[in-house]
Amino acid sequence: MSLAKIIWAVAVLAAIIFAFVTFEYAGLILVILGLAGGWFVSLEHRRGVLVAAIFLIAGGAGALGPIPELGQYLTAILSSYGVVLAAASVMIIVKTTVERLTPGASAA
């Protein structure tokens, strides 16, 4: 298993756990995992991560809220994962910008 897959797996697990257990640094941990995961996103998957982050941040995380008994938990999990994707998006934007400004860049 590659380092990128391990980081994303830990990020998903952290998003699930922090949806139920909160503490002072939960958000910071999600952001750090998102930034690390964003570094490893390949060029062909960058757009998908950006779209998913926009969707979850814009309210997509709450779409499952009306489901009885489960909705609030699913919303909390997707909101936590939205934080991870938002941080990954920041890293993708920074990495793409650096690639475009560097001679011989790989960003299209």
PDB file of N, CA and C in Angstrom:
ATOM      1  N   MET A   1       0.856  -1.174   0.000  1.00  0.00           N
ATOM      2  CA  MET A   1       0.000   0.000   0.000  1.00  0.00           C
ATOM      3  C   MET A   1       0.900   1.234   0.000  1.00  0.00           C
ATOM      4  N   SER A   2       0.599   2.160  -0.882  1.00  0.00           N
ATOM      5  CA  SER A   2       1.427   3.353  -1.013  1.00  0.00           C
ATOM      6  C   SER A   2       1.166   4.337   0.127  1.00  0.00           C
ATOM      7  N   LEU A   3       2.090   5.259   0.288  1.00  0.00           N
ATOM      8  CA  LEU A   3       1.959   6.278   1.326  1.00  0.00           C
ATOM      9  C   LEU A   3       0.709   7.125   1.101  1.00  0.00           C
ATOM     10  N   ALA A   4       0.411   7.439  -0.154  1.00  0.00           N
ATOM     11  CA  ALA A   4      -0.776   8.241  -0.464  1.00  0.00           C
ATOM     12  C   ALA A   4      -2.052   7.532  -0.016  1.00  0.00           C
ATOM     13  N   LYS A   5      -2.149   6.242  -0.288  1.00  0.00           N
ATOM     14  CA  LYS A   5      -3.342   5.489   0.120  1.00  0.00           C
ATOM     15  C   LYS A   5      -3.459   5.407   1.633  1.00  0.00           C
ATOM     16  N   ILE A   6      -2.330   5.279   2.303  1.00  0.00           N
ATOM     17  CA  ILE A   6      -2.353   5.235   3.768  1.00  0.00           C
ATOM     18  C   ILE A   6      -2.838   6.567   4.330  1.00  0.00           C
ATOM     19  N   ILE A   7      -2.339   7.666   3.780  1.00  0.00           N
ATOM     20  CA  ILE A   7      -2.758   8.994   4.252  1.00  0.00           C
ATOM     21  C   ILE A   7      -4.250   9.186   4.038  1.00  0.00           C
ATOM     22  N   TRP A   8      -4.765   8.824   2.860  1.00  0.00           N
ATOM     23  CA  TRP A   8      -6.197   8.995   2.592  1.00  0.00           C
ATOM     24  C   TRP A   8      -7.039   8.075   3.467  1.00  0.00           C
ATOM     25  N   ALA A   9      -6.553   6.858   3.726  1.00  0.00           N
ATOM     26  CA  ALA A   9      -7.292   5.941   4.607  1.00  0.00           C
ATOM     27  C   ALA A   9      -7.350   6.489   6.030  1.00  0.00           C
ATOM     28  N   VAL A  10      -6.237   7.012   6.514  1.00  0.00           N
ATOM     29  CA  VAL A  10      -6.212   7.610   7.851  1.00  0.00           C
ATOM     30  C   VAL A  10      -7.118   8.837   7.894  1.00  0.00           C
ATOM     31  N   ALA A  11      -7.137   9.618   6.818  1.00  0.00           N
ATOM     32  CA  ALA A  11      -7.995  10.806   6.765  1.00  0.00           C
ATOM     33  C   ALA A  11      -9.471  10.428   6.836  1.00  0.00           C
ATOM     34  N   VAL A  12      -9.854   9.385   6.117  1.00  0.00           N
ATOM     35  CA  VAL A  12     -11.252   8.933   6.160  1.00  0.00           C
ATOM     36  C   VAL A  12     -11.601   8.421   7.551  1.00  0.00           C
ATOM     37  N   LEU A  13     -10.724   7.629   8.140  1.00  0.00           N
ATOM     38  CA  LEU A  13     -10.968   7.127   9.498  1.00  0.00           C
ATOM     39  C   LEU A  13     -11.044   8.269  10.507  1.00  0.00           C
ATOM     40  N   ALA A  14     -10.163   9.250  10.368  1.00  0.00           N
ATOM     41  CA  ALA A  14     -10.194  10.400  11.277  1.00  0.00           C
ATOM     42  C   ALA A  14     -11.487  11.185  11.111  1.00  0.00           C
ATOM     43  N   ALA A  15     -11.949  11.349   9.873  1.00  0.00           N
ATOM     44  CA  ALA A  15     -13.209  12.065   9.637  1.00  0.00           C
ATOM     45  C   ALA A  15     -14.374  11.335  10.291  1.00  0.00           C
ATOM     46  N   ILE A  16     -14.365  10.026  10.221  1.00  0.00           N
ATOM     47  CA  ILE A  16     -15.434   9.243  10.854  1.00  0.00           C
ATOM     48  C   ILE A  16     -15.351   9.357  12.374  1.00  0.00           C
ATOM     49  N   ILE A  17     -14.161   9.200  12.910  1.00  0.00           N
ATOM     50  CA  ILE A  17     -13.996   9.262  14.370  1.00  0.00           C
ATOM     51  C   ILE A  17     -14.331  10.646  14.908  1.00  0.00           C
ATOM     52  N   PHE A  18     -13.830  11.687  14.241  1.00  0.00           N
ATOM     53  CA  PHE A  18     -14.047  13.048  14.737  1.00  0.00           C
ATOM     54  C   PHE A  18     -15.480  13.526  14.527  1.00  0.00           C
ATOM     55  N   ALA A  19     -16.258  12.779  13.784  1.00  0.00           N
ATOM     56  CA  ALA A  19     -17.680  13.108  13.676  1.00  0.00           C
ATOM     57  C   ALA A  19     -18.402  12.767  14.972  1.00  0.00           C
ATOM     58  N   PHE A  20     -17.847  11.848  15.732  1.00  0.00           N
ATOM     59  CA  PHE A  20     -18.472  11.407  16.981  1.00  0.00           C
ATOM     60  C   PHE A  20     -17.726  11.884  18.225  1.00  0.00           C
ATOM     61  N   VAL A  21     -16.417  12.020  18.108  1.00  0.00           N
ATOM     62  CA  VAL A  21     -15.583  12.428  19.240  1.00  0.00           C
ATOM     63  C   VAL A  21     -14.895  13.736  18.871  1.00  0.00           C
ATOM     64  N   THR A  22     -15.119  14.760  19.648  1.00  0.00           N
ATOM     65  CA  THR A  22     -14.488  16.041  19.348  1.00  0.00           C
ATOM     66  C   THR A  22     -13.494  16.411  20.443  1.00  0.00           C
ATOM     67  N   PHE A  23     -12.450  17.059  20.028  1.00  0.00           N
ATOM     68  CA  PHE A  23     -11.500  17.650  20.960  1.00  0.00           C
ATOM     69  C   PHE A  23     -10.843  18.831  20.269  1.00  0.00           C
ATOM     70  N   GLU A  24     -10.037  19.538  21.000  1.00  0.00           N
ATOM     71  CA  GLU A  24      -9.526  20.829  20.566  1.00  0.00           C
ATOM     72  C   GLU A  24      -8.783  20.793  19.229  1.00  0.00           C
ATOM     73  N   TYR A  25      -8.028  19.755  18.974  1.00  0.00           N
ATOM     74  CA  TYR A  25      -7.185  19.712  17.787  1.00  0.00           C
ATOM     75  C   TYR A  25      -7.727  18.824  16.670  1.00  0.00           C
ATOM     76  N   ALA A  26      -8.963  18.441  16.735  1.00  0.00           N
ATOM     77  CA  ALA A  26      -9.538  17.568  15.704  1.00  0.00           C
ATOM     78  C   ALA A  26      -9.489  18.238  14.331  1.00  0.00           C
ATOM     79  N   GLY A  27      -9.876  19.496  14.267  1.00  0.00           N
ATOM     80  CA  GLY A  27      -9.853  20.215  12.995  1.00  0.00           C
ATOM     81  C   GLY A  27      -8.452  20.339  12.429  1.00  0.00           C
ATOM     82  N   LEU A  28      -7.490  20.610  13.293  1.00  0.00           N
ATOM     83  CA  LEU A  28      -6.102  20.728  12.851  1.00  0.00           C
ATOM     84  C   LEU A  28      -5.595  19.407  12.280  1.00  0.00           C
ATOM     85  N   ILE A  29      -5.937  18.314  12.919  1.00  0.00           N
ATOM     86  CA  ILE A  29      -5.522  16.996  12.427  1.00  0.00           C
ATOM     87  C   ILE A  29      -6.132  16.723  11.056  1.00  0.00           C
ATOM     88  N   LEU A  30      -7.413  17.058  10.882  1.00  0.00           N
ATOM     89  CA  LEU A  30      -8.060  16.860   9.584  1.00  0.00           C
ATOM     90  C   LEU A  30      -7.404  17.721   8.509  1.00  0.00           C
ATOM     91  N   VAL A  31      -7.050  18.953   8.850  1.00  0.00           N
ATOM     92  CA  VAL A  31      -6.398  19.840   7.883  1.00  0.00           C
ATOM     93  C   VAL A  31      -5.019  19.308   7.501  1.00  0.00           C
ATOM     94  N   ILE A  32      -4.247  18.865   8.468  1.00  0.00           N
ATOM     95  CA  ILE A  32      -2.914  18.328   8.173  1.00  0.00           C
ATOM     96  C   ILE A  32      -3.016  17.084   7.291  1.00  0.00           C
ATOM     97  N   LEU A  33      -3.962  16.202   7.600  1.00  0.00           N
ATOM     98  CA  LEU A  33      -4.158  15.019   6.756  1.00  0.00           C
ATOM     99  C   LEU A  33      -4.595  15.417   5.346  1.00  0.00           C
ATOM    100  N   GLY A  34      -5.444  16.429   5.240  1.00  0.00           N
ATOM    101  CA  GLY A  34      -5.877  16.904   3.931  1.00  0.00           C
ATOM    102  C   GLY A  34      -4.737  17.502   3.126  1.00  0.00           C
ATOM    103  N   LEU A  35      -3.900  18.306   3.776  1.00  0.00           N
ATOM    104  CA  LEU A  35      -2.749  18.887   3.077  1.00  0.00           C
ATOM    105  C   LEU A  35      -1.788  17.801   2.606  1.00  0.00           C
ATOM    106  N   ALA A  36      -1.531  16.823   3.466  1.00  0.00           N
ATOM    107  CA  ALA A  36      -0.643  15.721   3.085  1.00  0.00           C
ATOM    108  C   ALA A  36      -1.254  14.899   1.956  1.00  0.00           C
ATOM    109  N   GLY A  37      -2.542  14.618   2.049  1.00  0.00           N
ATOM    110  CA  GLY A  37      -3.207  13.865   0.988  1.00  0.00           C
ATOM    111  C   GLY A  37      -3.242  14.630  -0.322  1.00  0.00           C
ATOM    112  N   GLY A  38      -3.438  15.939  -0.239  1.00  0.00           N
ATOM    113  CA  GLY A  38      -3.475  16.774  -1.436  1.00  0.00           C
ATOM    114  C   GLY A  38      -2.157  16.791  -2.183  1.00  0.00           C
ATOM    115  N   TRP A  39      -1.065  16.620  -1.466  1.00  0.00           N
ATOM    116  CA  TRP A  39       0.248  16.593  -2.106  1.00  0.00           C
ATOM    117  C   TRP A  39       0.366  15.403  -3.060  1.00  0.00           C
ATOM    118  N   PHE A  40      -0.288  14.298  -2.727  1.00  0.00           N
ATOM    119  CA  PHE A  40      -0.159  13.069  -3.503  1.00  0.00           C
ATOM    120  C   PHE A  40      -1.245  12.883  -4.563  1.00  0.00           C
ATOM    121  N   VAL A  41      -2.139  13.837  -4.724  1.00  0.00           N
ATOM    122  CA  VAL A  41      -3.195  13.706  -5.734  1.00  0.00           C
ATOM    123  C   VAL A  41      -2.570  13.869  -7.118  1.00  0.00           C
ATOM    124  N   SER A  42      -2.811  12.899  -7.977  1.00  0.00           N
ATOM    125  CA  SER A  42      -2.236  12.946  -9.320  1.00  0.00           C
ATOM    126  C   SER A  42      -2.942  13.995 -10.170  1.00  0.00           C
ATOM    127  N   LEU A  43      -2.290  14.357 -11.250  1.00  0.00           N
ATOM    128  CA  LEU A  43      -2.797  15.407 -12.128  1.00  0.00           C
ATOM    129  C   LEU A  43      -4.197  15.089 -12.646  1.00  0.00           C
ATOM    130  N   GLU A  44      -4.468  13.835 -12.981  1.00  0.00           N
ATOM    131  CA  GLU A  44      -5.776  13.485 -13.537  1.00  0.00           C
ATOM    132  C   GLU A  44      -6.887  13.425 -12.490  1.00  0.00           C
ATOM    133  N   HIS A  45      -6.547  13.406 -11.207  1.00  0.00           N
ATOM    134  CA  HIS A  45      -7.568  13.353 -10.155  1.00  0.00           C
ATOM    135  C   HIS A  45      -7.788  14.690  -9.453  1.00  0.00           C
ATOM    136  N   ARG A  46      -7.034  15.697  -9.807  1.00  0.00           N
ATOM    137  CA  ARG A  46      -7.122  16.984  -9.114  1.00  0.00           C
ATOM    138  C   ARG A  46      -8.493  17.631  -9.261  1.00  0.00           C
ATOM    139  N   ARG A  47      -9.019  17.626 -10.456  1.00  0.00           N
ATOM    140  CA  ARG A  47     -10.324  18.256 -10.680  1.00  0.00           C
ATOM    141  C   ARG A  47     -11.411  17.577  -9.853  1.00  0.00           C
ATOM    142  N   GLY A  48     -11.379  16.263  -9.760  1.00  0.00           N
ATOM    143  CA  GLY A  48     -12.372  15.530  -8.977  1.00  0.00           C
ATOM    144  C   GLY A  48     -12.334  15.890  -7.505  1.00  0.00           C
ATOM    145  N   VAL A  49     -11.136  16.044  -6.953  1.00  0.00           N
ATOM    146  CA  VAL A  49     -11.013  16.428  -5.545  1.00  0.00           C
ATOM    147  C   VAL A  49     -11.558  17.834  -5.339  1.00  0.00           C
ATOM    148  N   LEU A  50     -11.245  18.740  -6.249  1.00  0.00           N
ATOM    149  CA  LEU A  50     -11.746  20.114  -6.137  1.00  0.00           C
ATOM    150  C   LEU A  50     -13.269  20.158  -6.200  1.00  0.00           C
ATOM    151  N   VAL A  51     -13.854  19.411  -7.118  1.00  0.00           N
ATOM    152  CA  VAL A  51     -15.318  19.389  -7.248  1.00  0.00           C
ATOM    153  C   VAL A  51     -15.959  18.775  -6.010  1.00  0.00           C
ATOM    154  N   ALA A  52     -15.390  17.696  -5.496  1.00  0.00           N
ATOM    155  CA  ALA A  52     -15.934  17.063  -4.289  1.00  0.00           C
ATOM    156  C   ALA A  52     -15.859  18.003  -3.093  1.00  0.00           C
ATOM    157  N   ALA A  53     -14.756  18.728  -2.963  1.00  0.00           N
ATOM    158  CA  ALA A  53     -14.616  19.680  -1.856  1.00  0.00           C
ATOM    159  C   ALA A  53     -15.652  20.790  -1.962  1.00  0.00           C
ATOM    160  N   ILE A  54     -15.834  21.325  -3.151  1.00  0.00           N
ATOM    161  CA  ILE A  54     -16.829  22.387  -3.346  1.00  0.00           C
ATOM    162  C   ILE A  54     -18.220  21.872  -3.016  1.00  0.00           C
ATOM    163  N   PHE A  55     -18.536  20.672  -3.463  1.00  0.00           N
ATOM    164  CA  PHE A  55     -19.855  20.091  -3.205  1.00  0.00           C
ATOM    165  C   PHE A  55     -20.118  19.925  -1.713  1.00  0.00           C
ATOM    166  N   LEU A  56     -19.162  19.347  -0.993  1.00  0.00           N
ATOM    167  CA  LEU A  56     -19.369  19.113   0.438  1.00  0.00           C
ATOM    168  C   LEU A  56     -19.425  20.419   1.221  1.00  0.00           C
ATOM    169  N   ILE A  57     -18.588  21.375   0.862  1.00  0.00           N
ATOM    170  CA  ILE A  57     -18.576  22.650   1.576  1.00  0.00           C
ATOM    171  C   ILE A  57     -19.841  23.451   1.278  1.00  0.00           C
ATOM    172  N   ALA A  58     -20.344  23.357   0.062  1.00  0.00           N
ATOM    173  CA  ALA A  58     -21.518  24.140  -0.335  1.00  0.00           C
ATOM    174  C   ALA A  58     -22.826  23.585   0.207  1.00  0.00           C
ATOM    175  N   GLY A  59     -22.765  22.521   0.954  1.00  0.00           N
ATOM    176  CA  GLY A  59     -23.987  22.007   1.562  1.00  0.00           C
ATOM    177  C   GLY A  59     -24.319  20.580   1.218  1.00  0.00           C
ATOM    178  N   GLY A  60     -23.524  19.958   0.394  1.00  0.00           N
ATOM    179  CA  GLY A  60     -23.777  18.571   0.026  1.00  0.00           C
ATOM    180  C   GLY A  60     -23.688  17.622   1.198  1.00  0.00           C
ATOM    181  N   ALA A  61     -22.904  17.995   2.204  1.00  0.00           N
ATOM    182  CA  ALA A  61     -22.766  17.139   3.384  1.00  0.00           C
ATOM    183  C   ALA A  61     -24.080  17.013   4.127  1.00  0.00           C
ATOM    184  N   GLY A  62     -24.919  18.034   4.060  1.00  0.00           N
ATOM    185  CA  GLY A  62     -26.192  18.017   4.772  1.00  0.00           C
ATOM    186  C   GLY A  62     -27.322  17.368   4.009  1.00  0.00           C
ATOM    187  N   ALA A  63     -27.051  16.890   2.798  1.00  0.00           N
ATOM    188  CA  ALA A  63     -28.109  16.314   1.972  1.00  0.00           C
ATOM    189  C   ALA A  63     -28.718  15.065   2.594  1.00  0.00           C
ATOM    190  N   LEU A  64     -27.946  14.361   3.391  1.00  0.00           N
ATOM    191  CA  LEU A  64     -28.443  13.133   4.005  1.00  0.00           C
ATOM    192  C   LEU A  64     -29.024  13.379   5.390  1.00  0.00           C
ATOM    193  N   GLY A  65     -29.040  14.622   5.820  1.00  0.00           N
ATOM    194  CA  GLY A  65     -29.550  14.980   7.137  1.00  0.00           C
ATOM    195  C   GLY A  65     -30.969  14.542   7.433  1.00  0.00           C
ATOM    196  N   PRO A  66     -31.887  14.606   6.478  1.00  0.00           N
ATOM    197  CA  PRO A  66     -33.273  14.225   6.759  1.00  0.00           C
ATOM    198  C   PRO A  66     -33.520  12.735   7.001  1.00  0.00           C
ATOM    199  N   ILE A  67     -32.536  11.883   6.775  1.00  0.00           N
ATOM    200  CA  ILE A  67     -32.724  10.454   7.015  1.00  0.00           C
ATOM    201  C   ILE A  67     -32.891  10.234   8.516  1.00  0.00           C
ATOM    202  N   PRO A  68     -33.978   9.604   8.923  1.00  0.00           N
ATOM    203  CA  PRO A  68     -34.209   9.393  10.358  1.00  0.00           C
ATOM    204  C   PRO A  68     -33.090   8.565  10.998  1.00  0.00           C
ATOM    205  N   GLU A  69     -32.700   8.961  12.179  1.00  0.00           N
ATOM    206  CA  GLU A  69     -31.710   8.286  13.014  1.00  0.00           C
ATOM    207  C   GLU A  69     -30.282   8.334  12.470  1.00  0.00           C
ATOM    208  N   LEU A  70     -30.091   8.190  11.179  1.00  0.00           N
ATOM    209  CA  LEU A  70     -28.745   8.149  10.605  1.00  0.00           C
ATOM    210  C   LEU A  70     -28.273   9.478  10.045  1.00  0.00           C
ATOM    211  N   GLY A  71     -29.192  10.326   9.668  1.00  0.00           N
ATOM    212  CA  GLY A  71     -28.859  11.550   8.951  1.00  0.00           C
ATOM    213  C   GLY A  71     -27.866  12.447   9.651  1.00  0.00           C
ATOM    214  N   GLN A  72     -28.043  12.640  10.938  1.00  0.00           N
ATOM    215  CA  GLN A  72     -27.137  13.540  11.654  1.00  0.00           C
ATOM    216  C   GLN A  72     -25.717  12.986  11.702  1.00  0.00           C
ATOM    217  N   TYR A  73     -25.579  11.677  11.783  1.00  0.00           N
ATOM    218  CA  TYR A  73     -24.250  11.072  11.817  1.00  0.00           C
ATOM    219  C   TYR A  73     -23.578  11.132  10.443  1.00  0.00           C
ATOM    220  N   LEU A  74     -24.352  10.853   9.398  1.00  0.00           N
ATOM    221  CA  LEU A  74     -23.804  10.939   8.044  1.00  0.00           C
ATOM    222  C   LEU A  74     -23.394  12.366   7.711  1.00  0.00           C
ATOM    223  N   THR A  75     -24.197  13.332   8.142  1.00  0.00           N
ATOM    224  CA  THR A  75     -23.865  14.735   7.920  1.00  0.00           C
ATOM    225  C   THR A  75     -22.573  15.104   8.641  1.00  0.00           C
ATOM    226  N   ALA A  76     -22.410  14.641   9.868  1.00  0.00           N
ATOM    227  CA  ALA A  76     -21.193  14.935  10.628  1.00  0.00           C
ATOM    228  C   ALA A  76     -19.962  14.309   9.974  1.00  0.00           C
ATOM    229  N   ILE A  77     -20.104  13.084   9.498  1.00  0.00           N
ATOM    230  CA  ILE A  77     -18.979  12.407   8.840  1.00  0.00           C
ATOM    231  C   ILE A  77     -18.597  13.133   7.556  1.00  0.00           C
ATOM    232  N   LEU A  78     -19.584  13.457   6.727  1.00  0.00           N
ATOM    233  CA  LEU A  78     -19.290  14.135   5.463  1.00  0.00           C
ATOM    234  C   LEU A  78     -18.772  15.549   5.681  1.00  0.00           C
ATOM    235  N   SER A  79     -19.228  16.211   6.730  1.00  0.00           N
ATOM    236  CA  SER A  79     -18.704  17.543   7.044  1.00  0.00           C
ATOM    237  C   SER A  79     -17.237  17.456   7.452  1.00  0.00           C
ATOM    238  N   SER A  80     -16.902  16.466   8.257  1.00  0.00           N
ATOM    239  CA  SER A  80     -15.501  16.265   8.647  1.00  0.00           C
ATOM    240  C   SER A  80     -14.642  15.932   7.433  1.00  0.00           C
ATOM    241  N   TYR A  81     -15.167  15.100   6.553  1.00  0.00           N
ATOM    242  CA  TYR A  81     -14.412  14.758   5.350  1.00  0.00           C
ATOM    243  C   TYR A  81     -14.305  15.960   4.412  1.00  0.00           C
ATOM    244  N   GLY A  82     -15.296  16.836   4.446  1.00  0.00           N
ATOM    245  CA  GLY A  82     -15.230  18.073   3.671  1.00  0.00           C
ATOM    246  C   GLY A  82     -14.056  18.940   4.091  1.00  0.00           C
ATOM    247  N   VAL A  83     -13.739  18.935   5.378  1.00  0.00           N
ATOM    248  CA  VAL A  83     -12.569  19.674   5.869  1.00  0.00           C
ATOM    249  C   VAL A  83     -11.294  19.085   5.265  1.00  0.00           C
ATOM    250  N   VAL A  84     -11.213  17.771   5.214  1.00  0.00           N
ATOM    251  CA  VAL A  84     -10.049  17.101   4.624  1.00  0.00           C
ATOM    252  C   VAL A  84      -9.922  17.475   3.150  1.00  0.00           C
ATOM    253  N   LEU A  85     -11.028  17.412   2.420  1.00  0.00           N
ATOM    254  CA  LEU A  85     -10.989  17.727   0.992  1.00  0.00           C
ATOM    255  C   LEU A  85     -10.692  19.201   0.740  1.00  0.00           C
ATOM    256  N   ALA A  86     -11.173  20.084   1.604  1.00  0.00           N
ATOM    257  CA  ALA A  86     -10.880  21.509   1.452  1.00  0.00           C
ATOM    258  C   ALA A  86      -9.384  21.767   1.616  1.00  0.00           C
ATOM    259  N   ALA A  87      -8.774  21.134   2.610  1.00  0.00           N
ATOM    260  CA  ALA A  87      -7.332  21.291   2.808  1.00  0.00           C
ATOM    261  C   ALA A  87      -6.555  20.674   1.645  1.00  0.00           C
ATOM    262  N   ALA A  88      -7.017  19.529   1.159  1.00  0.00           N
ATOM    263  CA  ALA A  88      -6.374  18.907   0.000  1.00  0.00           C
ATOM    264  C   ALA A  88      -6.479  19.822  -1.216  1.00  0.00           C
ATOM    265  N   SER A  89      -7.598  20.507  -1.355  1.00  0.00           N
ATOM    266  CA  SER A  89      -7.784  21.435  -2.470  1.00  0.00           C
ATOM    267  C   SER A  89      -6.800  22.591  -2.398  1.00  0.00           C
ATOM    268  N   VAL A  90      -6.557  23.083  -1.197  1.00  0.00           N
ATOM    269  CA  VAL A  90      -5.572  24.159  -1.034  1.00  0.00           C
ATOM    270  C   VAL A  90      -4.199  23.675  -1.493  1.00  0.00           C
ATOM    271  N   MET A  91      -3.821  22.473  -1.096  1.00  0.00           N
ATOM    272  CA  MET A  91      -2.525  21.932  -1.510  1.00  0.00           C
ATOM    273  C   MET A  91      -2.481  21.727  -3.019  1.00  0.00           C
ATOM    274  N   ILE A  92      -3.571  21.264  -3.602  1.00  0.00           N
ATOM    275  CA  ILE A  92      -3.625  21.072  -5.053  1.00  0.00           C
ATOM    276  C   ILE A  92      -3.441  22.401  -5.773  1.00  0.00           C
ATOM    277  N   ILE A  93      -4.104  23.435  -5.294  1.00  0.00           N
ATOM    278  CA  ILE A  93      -3.993  24.755  -5.916  1.00  0.00           C
ATOM    279  C   ILE A  93      -2.566  25.283  -5.805  1.00  0.00           C
ATOM    280  N   VAL A  94      -1.966  25.156  -4.637  1.00  0.00           N
ATOM    281  CA  VAL A  94      -0.590  25.621  -4.446  1.00  0.00           C
ATOM    282  C   VAL A  94       0.369  24.823  -5.326  1.00  0.00           C
ATOM    283  N   LYS A  95       0.215  23.514  -5.337  1.00  0.00           N
ATOM    284  CA  LYS A  95       1.105  22.658  -6.125  1.00  0.00           C
ATOM    285  C   LYS A  95       0.968  22.949  -7.621  1.00  0.00           C
ATOM    286  N   THR A  96      -0.253  23.122  -8.093  1.00  0.00           N
ATOM    287  CA  THR A  96      -0.473  23.434  -9.504  1.00  0.00           C
ATOM    288  C   THR A  96       0.125  24.788  -9.866  1.00  0.00           C
ATOM    289  N   THR A  97      -0.025  25.762  -8.976  1.00  0.00           N
ATOM    290  CA  THR A  97       0.546  27.086  -9.223  1.00  0.00           C
ATOM    291  C   THR A  97       2.065  27.013  -9.312  1.00  0.00           C
ATOM    292  N   VAL A  98       2.688  26.291  -8.405  1.00  0.00           N
ATOM    293  CA  VAL A  98       4.146  26.140  -8.431  1.00  0.00           C
ATOM    294  C   VAL A  98       4.579  25.422  -9.700  1.00  0.00           C
ATOM    295  N   GLU A  99       3.850  24.389 -10.102  1.00  0.00           N
ATOM    296  CA  GLU A  99       4.193  23.663 -11.328  1.00  0.00           C
ATOM    297  C   GLU A  99       4.084  24.559 -12.555  1.00  0.00           C
ATOM    298  N   ARG A 100       3.108  25.445 -12.567  1.00  0.00           N
ATOM    299  CA  ARG A 100       2.944  26.337 -13.718  1.00  0.00           C
ATOM    300  C   ARG A 100       4.035  27.404 -13.768  1.00  0.00           C
ATOM    301  N   LEU A 101       4.544  27.800 -12.617  1.00  0.00           N
ATOM    302  CA  LEU A 101       5.568  28.839 -12.568  1.00  0.00           C
ATOM    303  C   LEU A 101       6.980  28.294 -12.726  1.00  0.00           C
ATOM    304  N   THR A 102       7.135  26.991 -12.582  1.00  0.00           N
ATOM    305  CA  THR A 102       8.445  26.360 -12.677  1.00  0.00           C
ATOM    306  C   THR A 102       8.696  25.927 -14.116  1.00  0.00           C
ATOM    307  N   PRO A 103       9.884  26.229 -14.649  1.00  0.00           N
ATOM    308  CA  PRO A 103      10.191  25.783 -16.015  1.00  0.00           C
ATOM    309  C   PRO A 103      10.130  24.258 -16.118  1.00  0.00           C
ATOM    310  N   GLY A 104       9.566  23.770 -17.203  1.00  0.00           N
ATOM    311  CA  GLY A 104       9.425  22.331 -17.407  1.00  0.00           C
ATOM    312  C   GLY A 104       8.366  21.728 -16.517  1.00  0.00           C
ATOM    313  N   ALA A 105       7.356  22.524 -16.196  1.00  0.00           N
ATOM    314  CA  ALA A 105       6.310  22.088 -15.273  1.00  0.00           C
ATOM    315  C   ALA A 105       5.465  20.989 -15.890  1.00  0.00           C
ATOM    316  N   SER A 106       4.868  20.160 -15.010  1.00  0.00           N
ATOM    317  CA  SER A 106       4.037  19.061 -15.489  1.00  0.00           C
ATOM    318  C   SER A 106       2.557  19.401 -15.484  1.00  0.00           C
ATOM    319  N   ALA A 107       2.161  20.522 -14.881  1.00  0.00           N
ATOM    320  CA  ALA A 107       0.742  20.895 -14.835  1.00  0.00           C
ATOM    321  C   ALA A 107       0.285  21.332 -16.214  1.00  0.00           C
ATOM    322  N   ALA A 108      -0.887  20.845 -16.615  1.00  0.00           N
ATOM    323  CA  ALA A 108      -1.415  21.177 -17.945  1.00  0.00           C
ATOM    324  C   ALA A 108      -2.177  22.475 -17.906  1.00  0.00           C
TER     325      ALA A 108
END
